[in-house]
PDB file of all heavy atoms in Angstrom:
ATOM      1  N   THR A   1      27.107 -45.957 -21.664  1.00  0.00           N
ATOM      2  CA  THR A   1      27.944 -45.733 -22.821  1.00  0.00           C
ATOM      3  C   THR A   1      27.630 -46.828 -23.873  1.00  0.00           C
ATOM      4  O   THR A   1      27.531 -48.025 -23.543  1.00  0.00           O
ATOM      5  CB  THR A   1      29.412 -45.819 -22.448  1.00  0.00           C
ATOM      6  OG1 THR A   1      29.729 -44.740 -21.570  1.00  0.00           O
ATOM      7  CG2 THR A   1      30.299 -45.649 -23.693  1.00  0.00           C
ATOM      8  N   ASP A   2      27.472 -46.375 -25.111  1.00  0.00           N
ATOM      9  CA  ASP A   2      27.347 -47.276 -26.226  1.00  0.00           C
ATOM     10  C   ASP A   2      28.717 -47.732 -26.686  1.00  0.00           C
ATOM     11  O   ASP A   2      29.509 -46.946 -27.223  1.00  0.00           O
ATOM     12  CB  ASP A   2      26.623 -46.522 -27.396  1.00  0.00           C
ATOM     13  CG  ASP A   2      26.422 -47.374 -28.612  1.00  0.00           C
ATOM     14  OD1 ASP A   2      26.866 -48.544 -28.663  1.00  0.00           O
ATOM     15  OD2 ASP A   2      25.828 -46.903 -29.610  1.00  0.00           O
ATOM     16  N   SER A   3      29.073 -48.946 -26.449  1.00  0.00           N
ATOM     17  CA  SER A   3      30.395 -49.447 -26.730  1.00  0.00           C
ATOM     18  C   SER A   3      30.671 -49.649 -28.228  1.00  0.00           C
ATOM     19  O   SER A   3      31.825 -49.840 -28.617  1.00  0.00           O
ATOM     20  CB  SER A   3      30.628 -50.799 -26.011  1.00  0.00           C
ATOM     21  OG  SER A   3      30.526 -50.644 -24.644  1.00  0.00           O
ATOM     22  N   ALA A   4      29.600 -49.606 -29.042  1.00  0.00           N
ATOM     23  CA  ALA A   4      29.805 -49.849 -30.456  1.00  0.00           C
ATOM     24  C   ALA A   4      29.530 -48.611 -31.337  1.00  0.00           C
ATOM     25  O   ALA A   4      29.852 -48.594 -32.502  1.00  0.00           O
ATOM     26  CB  ALA A   4      28.934 -50.988 -30.925  1.00  0.00           C
ATOM     27  N   GLY A   5      28.865 -47.578 -30.750  1.00  0.00           N
ATOM     28  CA  GLY A   5      28.499 -46.432 -31.536  1.00  0.00           C
ATOM     29  C   GLY A   5      28.399 -45.180 -30.690  1.00  0.00           C
ATOM     30  O   GLY A   5      29.074 -45.095 -29.677  1.00  0.00           O
ATOM     31  N   SER A   6      27.512 -44.299 -31.099  1.00  0.00           N
ATOM     32  CA  SER A   6      27.420 -43.028 -30.363  1.00  0.00           C
ATOM     33  C   SER A   6      26.056 -42.793 -29.755  1.00  0.00           C
ATOM     34  O   SER A   6      25.712 -41.663 -29.354  1.00  0.00           O
ATOM     35  CB  SER A   6      27.729 -41.862 -31.306  1.00  0.00           C
ATOM     36  OG  SER A   6      26.868 -41.881 -32.448  1.00  0.00           O
ATOM     37  N   LEU A   7      25.237 -43.834 -29.664  1.00  0.00           N
ATOM     38  CA  LEU A   7      23.899 -43.713 -29.085  1.00  0.00           C
ATOM     39  C   LEU A   7      23.944 -43.985 -27.604  1.00  0.00           C
ATOM     40  O   LEU A   7      23.442 -45.028 -27.102  1.00  0.00           O
ATOM     41  CB  LEU A   7      22.921 -44.675 -29.831  1.00  0.00           C
ATOM     42  CG  LEU A   7      21.425 -44.572 -29.462  1.00  0.00           C
ATOM     43  CD1 LEU A   7      20.918 -43.140 -29.634  1.00  0.00           C
ATOM     44  CD2 LEU A   7      20.625 -45.547 -30.314  1.00  0.00           C
ATOM     45  N   ASN A   8      24.563 -43.116 -26.870  1.00  0.00           N
ATOM     46  CA  ASN A   8      24.662 -43.273 -25.401  1.00  0.00           C
ATOM     47  C   ASN A   8      23.291 -42.999 -24.755  1.00  0.00           C
ATOM     48  O   ASN A   8      22.516 -42.235 -25.253  1.00  0.00           O
ATOM     49  CB  ASN A   8      25.679 -42.301 -24.830  1.00  0.00           C
ATOM     50  CG  ASN A   8      27.081 -42.555 -25.409  1.00  0.00           C
ATOM     51  OD1 ASN A   8      27.474 -43.689 -25.602  1.00  0.00           O
ATOM     52  ND2 ASN A   8      27.804 -41.486 -25.674  1.00  0.00           N
ATOM     53  N   VAL A   9      23.052 -43.676 -23.618  1.00  0.00           N
ATOM     54  CA  VAL A   9      21.791 -43.542 -22.925  1.00  0.00           C
ATOM     55  C   VAL A   9      22.039 -43.082 -21.474  1.00  0.00           C
ATOM     56  O   VAL A   9      23.085 -43.369 -20.885  1.00  0.00           O
ATOM     57  CB  VAL A   9      20.980 -44.830 -22.928  1.00  0.00           C
ATOM     58  CG1 VAL A   9      20.593 -45.241 -24.335  1.00  0.00           C
ATOM     59  CG2 VAL A   9      21.679 -45.946 -22.221  1.00  0.00           C
ATOM     60  N   SER A  10      21.067 -42.332 -20.922  1.00  0.00           N
ATOM     61  CA  SER A  10      21.063 -41.891 -19.551  1.00  0.00           C
ATOM     62  C   SER A  10      19.854 -42.454 -18.876  1.00  0.00           C
ATOM     63  O   SER A  10      18.934 -42.908 -19.517  1.00  0.00           O
ATOM     64  CB  SER A  10      21.102 -40.356 -19.463  1.00  0.00           C
ATOM     65  OG  SER A  10      22.261 -39.846 -20.085  1.00  0.00           O
ATOM     66  N   VAL A  11      19.877 -42.408 -17.542  1.00  0.00           N
ATOM     67  CA  VAL A  11      18.737 -42.993 -16.762  1.00  0.00           C
ATOM     68  C   VAL A  11      17.747 -41.870 -16.353  1.00  0.00           C
ATOM     69  O   VAL A  11      18.177 -40.739 -16.123  1.00  0.00           O
ATOM     70  CB  VAL A  11      19.231 -43.712 -15.522  1.00  0.00           C
ATOM     71  CG1 VAL A  11      19.991 -45.006 -15.953  1.00  0.00           C
ATOM     72  CG2 VAL A  11      20.119 -42.854 -14.654  1.00  0.00           C
ATOM     73  N   TYR A  12      16.485 -42.249 -16.259  1.00  0.00           N
ATOM     74  CA  TYR A  12      15.434 -41.309 -15.925  1.00  0.00           C
ATOM     75  C   TYR A  12      14.411 -41.986 -15.029  1.00  0.00           C
ATOM     76  O   TYR A  12      14.261 -43.170 -14.956  1.00  0.00           O
ATOM     77  CB  TYR A  12      14.719 -40.807 -17.223  1.00  0.00           C
ATOM     78  CG  TYR A  12      15.646 -40.055 -18.164  1.00  0.00           C
ATOM     79  CD1 TYR A  12      16.349 -40.736 -19.134  1.00  0.00           C
ATOM     80  CD2 TYR A  12      15.760 -38.645 -18.084  1.00  0.00           C
ATOM     81  CE1 TYR A  12      17.162 -40.040 -20.025  1.00  0.00           C
ATOM     82  CE2 TYR A  12      16.590 -37.974 -18.904  1.00  0.00           C
ATOM     83  CZ  TYR A  12      17.294 -38.655 -19.906  1.00  0.00           C
ATOM     84  OH  TYR A  12      18.110 -37.993 -20.773  1.00  0.00           O
ATOM     85  N   ASN A  13      13.664 -41.127 -14.322  1.00  0.00           N
ATOM     86  CA  ASN A  13      12.518 -41.541 -13.533  1.00  0.00           C
ATOM     87  C   ASN A  13      12.854 -42.619 -12.499  1.00  0.00           C
ATOM     88  O   ASN A  13      12.109 -43.526 -12.236  1.00  0.00           O
ATOM     89  CB  ASN A  13      11.370 -42.051 -14.402  1.00  0.00           C
ATOM     90  CG  ASN A  13      10.705 -40.930 -15.201  1.00  0.00           C
ATOM     91  OD1 ASN A  13      11.039 -39.771 -14.984  1.00  0.00           O
ATOM     92  ND2 ASN A  13       9.842 -41.288 -16.115  1.00  0.00           N
ATOM     93  N   GLY A  14      14.053 -42.545 -11.922  1.00  0.00           N
ATOM     94  CA  GLY A  14      14.416 -43.460 -10.850  1.00  0.00           C
ATOM     95  C   GLY A  14      15.200 -44.672 -11.290  1.00  0.00           C
ATOM     96  O   GLY A  14      15.558 -45.483 -10.411  1.00  0.00           O
ATOM     97  N   ALA A  15      15.443 -44.816 -12.562  1.00  0.00           N
ATOM     98  CA  ALA A  15      16.327 -45.944 -12.998  1.00  0.00           C
ATOM     99  C   ALA A  15      17.723 -45.698 -12.480  1.00  0.00           C
ATOM    100  O   ALA A  15      18.137 -44.545 -12.318  1.00  0.00           O
ATOM    101  CB  ALA A  15      16.289 -46.022 -14.542  1.00  0.00           C
ATOM    102  N   THR A  16      18.472 -46.794 -12.322  1.00  0.00           N
ATOM    103  CA  THR A  16      19.831 -46.685 -11.846  1.00  0.00           C
ATOM    104  C   THR A  16      20.716 -47.631 -12.634  1.00  0.00           C
ATOM    105  O   THR A  16      20.251 -48.643 -13.161  1.00  0.00           O
ATOM    106  CB  THR A  16      19.981 -47.013 -10.346  1.00  0.00           C
ATOM    107  OG1 THR A  16      19.508 -48.375 -10.132  1.00  0.00           O
ATOM    108  CG2 THR A  16      19.151 -46.050  -9.496  1.00  0.00           C
ATOM    109  N   ILE A  17      21.993 -47.281 -12.689  1.00  0.00           N
ATOM    110  CA  ILE A  17      23.012 -48.219 -13.232  1.00  0.00           C
ATOM    111  C   ILE A  17      24.014 -48.449 -12.125  1.00  0.00           C
ATOM    112  O   ILE A  17      24.730 -47.513 -11.713  1.00  0.00           O
ATOM    113  CB  ILE A  17      23.699 -47.660 -14.474  1.00  0.00           C
ATOM    114  CG1 ILE A  17      22.694 -47.473 -15.605  1.00  0.00           C
ATOM    115  CG2 ILE A  17      24.846 -48.557 -14.935  1.00  0.00           C
ATOM    116  CD1 ILE A  17      23.254 -46.719 -16.835  1.00  0.00           C
ATOM    117  N   SER A  18      24.030 -49.683 -11.595  1.00  0.00           N
ATOM    118  CA  SER A  18      24.954 -49.984 -10.502  1.00  0.00           C
ATOM    119  C   SER A  18      25.158 -51.504 -10.497  1.00  0.00           C
ATOM    120  O   SER A  18      24.324 -52.251 -10.947  1.00  0.00           O
ATOM    121  CB  SER A  18      24.418 -49.469  -9.149  1.00  0.00           C
ATOM    122  OG  SER A  18      23.168 -50.149  -8.848  1.00  0.00           O
ATOM    123  N   GLY A  19      26.312 -51.886 -10.002  1.00  0.00           N
ATOM    124  CA  GLY A  19      26.633 -53.322  -9.964  1.00  0.00           C
ATOM    125  C   GLY A  19      26.726 -53.932 -11.337  1.00  0.00           C
ATOM    126  O   GLY A  19      26.630 -55.155 -11.474  1.00  0.00           O
ATOM    127  N   GLY A  20      26.885 -53.105 -12.364  1.00  0.00           N
ATOM    128  CA  GLY A  20      27.071 -53.617 -13.732  1.00  0.00           C
ATOM    129  C   GLY A  20      25.747 -53.917 -14.430  1.00  0.00           C
ATOM    130  O   GLY A  20      25.756 -54.589 -15.452  1.00  0.00           O
ATOM    131  N   VAL A  21      24.662 -53.398 -13.914  1.00  0.00           N
ATOM    132  CA  VAL A  21      23.356 -53.645 -14.559  1.00  0.00           C
ATOM    133  C   VAL A  21      22.483 -52.395 -14.542  1.00  0.00           C
ATOM    134  O   VAL A  21      22.683 -51.502 -13.735  1.00  0.00           O
ATOM    135  CB  VAL A  21      22.581 -54.778 -13.863  1.00  0.00           C
ATOM    136  CG1 VAL A  21      23.299 -56.123 -14.019  1.00  0.00           C
ATOM    137  CG2 VAL A  21      22.340 -54.492 -12.432  1.00  0.00           C
ATOM    138  N   LEU A  22      21.499 -52.370 -15.451  1.00  0.00           N
ATOM    139  CA  LEU A  22      20.491 -51.343 -15.462  1.00  0.00           C
ATOM    140  C   LEU A  22      19.275 -51.810 -14.618  1.00  0.00           C
ATOM    141  O   LEU A  22      18.760 -52.899 -14.891  1.00  0.00           O
ATOM    142  CB  LEU A  22      20.052 -51.032 -16.889  1.00  0.00           C
ATOM    143  CG  LEU A  22      18.795 -50.149 -17.025  1.00  0.00           C
ATOM    144  CD1 LEU A  22      19.052 -48.727 -16.580  1.00  0.00           C
ATOM    145  CD2 LEU A  22      18.367 -50.165 -18.525  1.00  0.00           C
ATOM    146  N   ASN A  23      18.848 -51.001 -13.698  1.00  0.00           N
ATOM    147  CA  ASN A  23      17.741 -51.354 -12.831  1.00  0.00           C
ATOM    148  C   ASN A  23      16.547 -50.430 -13.168  1.00  0.00           C
ATOM    149  O   ASN A  23      16.611 -49.263 -12.944  1.00  0.00           O
ATOM    150  CB  ASN A  23      18.084 -51.181 -11.359  1.00  0.00           C
ATOM    151  CG  ASN A  23      17.038 -51.704 -10.403  1.00  0.00           C
ATOM    152  OD1 ASN A  23      15.852 -51.871 -10.753  1.00  0.00           O
ATOM    153  ND2 ASN A  23      17.439 -51.996  -9.158  1.00  0.00           N
ATOM    154  N   THR A  24      15.484 -51.055 -13.745  1.00  0.00           N
ATOM    155  CA  THR A  24      14.285 -50.257 -14.057  1.00  0.00           C
ATOM    156  C   THR A  24      13.086 -50.756 -13.232  1.00  0.00           C
ATOM    157  O   THR A  24      11.935 -50.578 -13.631  1.00  0.00           O
ATOM    158  CB  THR A  24      13.955 -50.362 -15.554  1.00  0.00           C
ATOM    159  OG1 THR A  24      13.898 -51.696 -15.956  1.00  0.00           O
ATOM    160  CG2 THR A  24      15.034 -49.649 -16.381  1.00  0.00           C
ATOM    161  N   TYR A  25      13.359 -51.352 -12.096  1.00  0.00           N
ATOM    162  CA  TYR A  25      12.267 -51.810 -11.218  1.00  0.00           C
ATOM    163  C   TYR A  25      11.741 -50.698 -10.351  1.00  0.00           C
ATOM    164  O   TYR A  25      12.531 -49.907  -9.815  1.00  0.00           O
ATOM    165  CB  TYR A  25      12.809 -52.955 -10.300  1.00  0.00           C
ATOM    166  CG  TYR A  25      11.794 -53.515  -9.371  1.00  0.00           C
ATOM    167  CD1 TYR A  25      10.955 -54.528  -9.780  1.00  0.00           C
ATOM    168  CD2 TYR A  25      11.646 -53.024  -8.084  1.00  0.00           C
ATOM    169  CE1 TYR A  25       9.974 -55.067  -8.924  1.00  0.00           C
ATOM    170  CE2 TYR A  25      10.690 -53.533  -7.200  1.00  0.00           C
ATOM    171  CZ  TYR A  25       9.876 -54.549  -7.633  1.00  0.00           C
ATOM    172  OH  TYR A  25       8.944 -55.072  -6.786  1.00  0.00           O
ATOM    173  N   ASP A  26      10.418 -50.581 -10.288  1.00  0.00           N
ATOM    174  CA  ASP A  26       9.849 -49.666  -9.295  1.00  0.00           C
ATOM    175  C   ASP A  26       8.730 -50.269  -8.500  1.00  0.00           C
ATOM    176  O   ASP A  26       8.328 -49.750  -7.454  1.00  0.00           O
ATOM    177  CB  ASP A  26       9.423 -48.322  -9.942  1.00  0.00           C
ATOM    178  CG  ASP A  26       8.243 -48.476 -10.867  1.00  0.00           C
ATOM    179  OD1 ASP A  26       7.779 -49.643 -11.109  1.00  0.00           O
ATOM    180  OD2 ASP A  26       7.731 -47.436 -11.361  1.00  0.00           O
ATOM    181  N   GLY A  27       8.135 -51.342  -8.974  1.00  0.00           N
ATOM    182  CA  GLY A  27       7.137 -52.098  -8.199  1.00  0.00           C
ATOM    183  C   GLY A  27       5.854 -51.310  -7.989  1.00  0.00           C
ATOM    184  O   GLY A  27       5.086 -51.649  -7.105  1.00  0.00           O
ATOM    185  N   THR A  28       5.572 -50.291  -8.828  1.00  0.00           N
ATOM    186  CA  THR A  28       4.359 -49.516  -8.672  1.00  0.00           C
ATOM    187  C   THR A  28       3.661 -49.422 -10.028  1.00  0.00           C
ATOM    188  O   THR A  28       4.249 -49.701 -11.052  1.00  0.00           O
ATOM    189  CB  THR A  28       4.636 -48.096  -8.166  1.00  0.00           C
ATOM    190  OG1 THR A  28       5.174 -47.308  -9.231  1.00  0.00           O
ATOM    191  CG2 THR A  28       5.598 -48.094  -7.008  1.00  0.00           C
ATOM    192  N   SER A  29       2.435 -48.975  -9.989  1.00  0.00           N
ATOM    193  CA  SER A  29       1.697 -48.763 -11.236  1.00  0.00           C
ATOM    194  C   SER A  29       1.691 -47.294 -11.671  1.00  0.00           C
ATOM    195  O   SER A  29       0.883 -46.920 -12.513  1.00  0.00           O
ATOM    196  CB  SER A  29       0.233 -49.240 -11.060  1.00  0.00           C
ATOM    197  OG  SER A  29      -0.368 -48.559  -9.950  1.00  0.00           O
ATOM    198  N   VAL A  30       2.614 -46.517 -11.119  1.00  0.00           N
ATOM    199  CA  VAL A  30       2.725 -45.117 -11.488  1.00  0.00           C
ATOM    200  C   VAL A  30       3.024 -45.031 -12.980  1.00  0.00           C
ATOM    201  O   VAL A  30       3.842 -45.808 -13.493  1.00  0.00           O
ATOM    202  CB  VAL A  30       3.795 -44.421 -10.650  1.00  0.00           C
ATOM    203  CG1 VAL A  30       4.008 -42.975 -11.112  1.00  0.00           C
ATOM    204  CG2 VAL A  30       3.412 -44.428  -9.198  1.00  0.00           C
ATOM    205  N   ALA A  31       2.457 -44.060 -13.675  1.00  0.00           N
ATOM    206  CA  ALA A  31       2.533 -43.989 -15.139  1.00  0.00           C
ATOM    207  C   ALA A  31       3.895 -43.589 -15.665  1.00  0.00           C
ATOM    208  O   ALA A  31       4.166 -43.821 -16.844  1.00  0.00           O
ATOM    209  CB  ALA A  31       1.461 -43.057 -15.679  1.00  0.00           C
ATOM    210  N   THR A  32       4.775 -43.033 -14.847  1.00  0.00           N
ATOM    211  CA  THR A  32       6.059 -42.607 -15.356  1.00  0.00           C
ATOM    212  C   THR A  32       7.154 -43.440 -14.682  1.00  0.00           C
ATOM    213  O   THR A  32       7.736 -43.040 -13.713  1.00  0.00           O
ATOM    214  CB  THR A  32       6.310 -41.123 -15.075  1.00  0.00           C
ATOM    215  OG1 THR A  32       6.098 -40.869 -13.711  1.00  0.00           O
ATOM    216  CG2 THR A  32       5.327 -40.272 -15.892  1.00  0.00           C
ATOM    217  N   GLY A  33       7.415 -44.623 -15.248  1.00  0.00           N
ATOM    218  CA  GLY A  33       8.357 -45.562 -14.657  1.00  0.00           C
ATOM    219  C   GLY A  33       9.780 -45.283 -15.106  1.00  0.00           C
ATOM    220  O   GLY A  33      10.035 -44.494 -16.023  1.00  0.00           O
ATOM    221  N   PRO A  34      10.757 -45.992 -14.542  1.00  0.00           N
ATOM    222  CA  PRO A  34      12.162 -45.790 -14.856  1.00  0.00           C
ATOM    223  C   PRO A  34      12.479 -46.323 -16.268  1.00  0.00           C
ATOM    224  O   PRO A  34      11.837 -47.213 -16.807  1.00  0.00           O
ATOM    225  CB  PRO A  34      12.860 -46.681 -13.817  1.00  0.00           C
ATOM    226  CG  PRO A  34      11.860 -47.071 -12.817  1.00  0.00           C
ATOM    227  CD  PRO A  34      10.530 -47.001 -13.470  1.00  0.00           C
ATOM    228  N   TYR A  35      13.553 -45.755 -16.851  1.00  0.00           N
ATOM    229  CA  TYR A  35      14.064 -46.190 -18.140  1.00  0.00           C
ATOM    230  C   TYR A  35      15.428 -45.593 -18.410  1.00  0.00           C
ATOM    231  O   TYR A  35      15.907 -44.707 -17.722  1.00  0.00           O
ATOM    232  CB  TYR A  35      13.073 -45.807 -19.242  1.00  0.00           C
ATOM    233  CG  TYR A  35      12.843 -44.294 -19.429  1.00  0.00           C
ATOM    234  CD1 TYR A  35      13.649 -43.527 -20.280  1.00  0.00           C
ATOM    235  CD2 TYR A  35      11.860 -43.633 -18.730  1.00  0.00           C
ATOM    236  CE1 TYR A  35      13.441 -42.181 -20.427  1.00  0.00           C
ATOM    237  CE2 TYR A  35      11.647 -42.277 -18.874  1.00  0.00           C
ATOM    238  CZ  TYR A  35      12.425 -41.573 -19.753  1.00  0.00           C
ATOM    239  OH  TYR A  35      12.231 -40.203 -19.897  1.00  0.00           O
ATOM    240  N   ALA A  36      16.057 -46.116 -19.450  1.00  0.00           N
ATOM    241  CA  ALA A  36      17.325 -45.567 -19.955  1.00  0.00           C
ATOM    242  C   ALA A  36      17.136 -45.201 -21.420  1.00  0.00           C
ATOM    243  O   ALA A  36      16.562 -45.990 -22.195  1.00  0.00           O
ATOM    244  CB  ALA A  36      18.447 -46.572 -19.844  1.00  0.00           C
ATOM    245  N   SER A  37      17.558 -43.996 -21.813  1.00  0.00           N
ATOM    246  CA  SER A  37      17.326 -43.522 -23.194  1.00  0.00           C
ATOM    247  C   SER A  37      18.197 -42.350 -23.476  1.00  0.00           C
ATOM    248  O   SER A  37      18.748 -41.693 -22.634  1.00  0.00           O
ATOM    249  CB  SER A  37      15.851 -43.106 -23.323  1.00  0.00           C
ATOM    250  OG  SER A  37      15.609 -42.500 -24.561  1.00  0.00           O
ATOM    251  N   ASP A  38      18.395 -42.105 -24.798  1.00  0.00           N
ATOM    252  CA  ASP A  38      18.883 -40.803 -25.266  1.00  0.00           C
ATOM    253  C   ASP A  38      17.610 -39.947 -25.342  1.00  0.00           C
ATOM    254  O   ASP A  38      17.015 -39.801 -26.430  1.00  0.00           O
ATOM    255  CB  ASP A  38      19.556 -40.897 -26.612  1.00  0.00           C
ATOM    256  CG  ASP A  38      20.007 -39.574 -27.125  1.00  0.00           C
ATOM    257  OD1 ASP A  38      19.842 -38.550 -26.433  1.00  0.00           O
ATOM    258  OD2 ASP A  38      20.467 -39.505 -28.309  1.00  0.00           O
ATOM    259  N   ASP A  39      17.209 -39.367 -24.248  1.00  0.00           N
ATOM    260  CA  ASP A  39      15.897 -38.756 -24.147  1.00  0.00           C
ATOM    261  C   ASP A  39      15.821 -37.392 -24.836  1.00  0.00           C
ATOM    262  O   ASP A  39      14.754 -36.830 -24.995  1.00  0.00           O
ATOM    263  CB  ASP A  39      15.542 -38.560 -22.672  1.00  0.00           C
ATOM    264  CG  ASP A  39      14.020 -38.541 -22.441  1.00  0.00           C
ATOM    265  OD1 ASP A  39      13.312 -38.963 -23.344  1.00  0.00           O
ATOM    266  OD2 ASP A  39      13.615 -38.099 -21.352  1.00  0.00           O
ATOM    267  N   LEU A  40      16.937 -36.897 -25.326  1.00  0.00           N
ATOM    268  CA  LEU A  40      16.947 -35.557 -25.960  1.00  0.00           C
ATOM    269  C   LEU A  40      16.786 -35.621 -27.442  1.00  0.00           C
ATOM    270  O   LEU A  40      16.476 -34.634 -28.089  1.00  0.00           O
ATOM    271  CB  LEU A  40      18.293 -34.858 -25.593  1.00  0.00           C
ATOM    272  CG  LEU A  40      18.551 -34.638 -24.111  1.00  0.00           C
ATOM    273  CD1 LEU A  40      19.967 -33.977 -23.963  1.00  0.00           C
ATOM    274  CD2 LEU A  40      17.503 -33.826 -23.464  1.00  0.00           C
TER     275      LEU A  40
END
């Protein structure tokens, strides 16, 4: 959730939001890594 506006983001490609943080770690060189975005 965007606490100041309306640009909310969702997680993709294995990213997670837990424990109060965004986790975009995957430890691989695969070309489609995790991220958070308004992907639409």
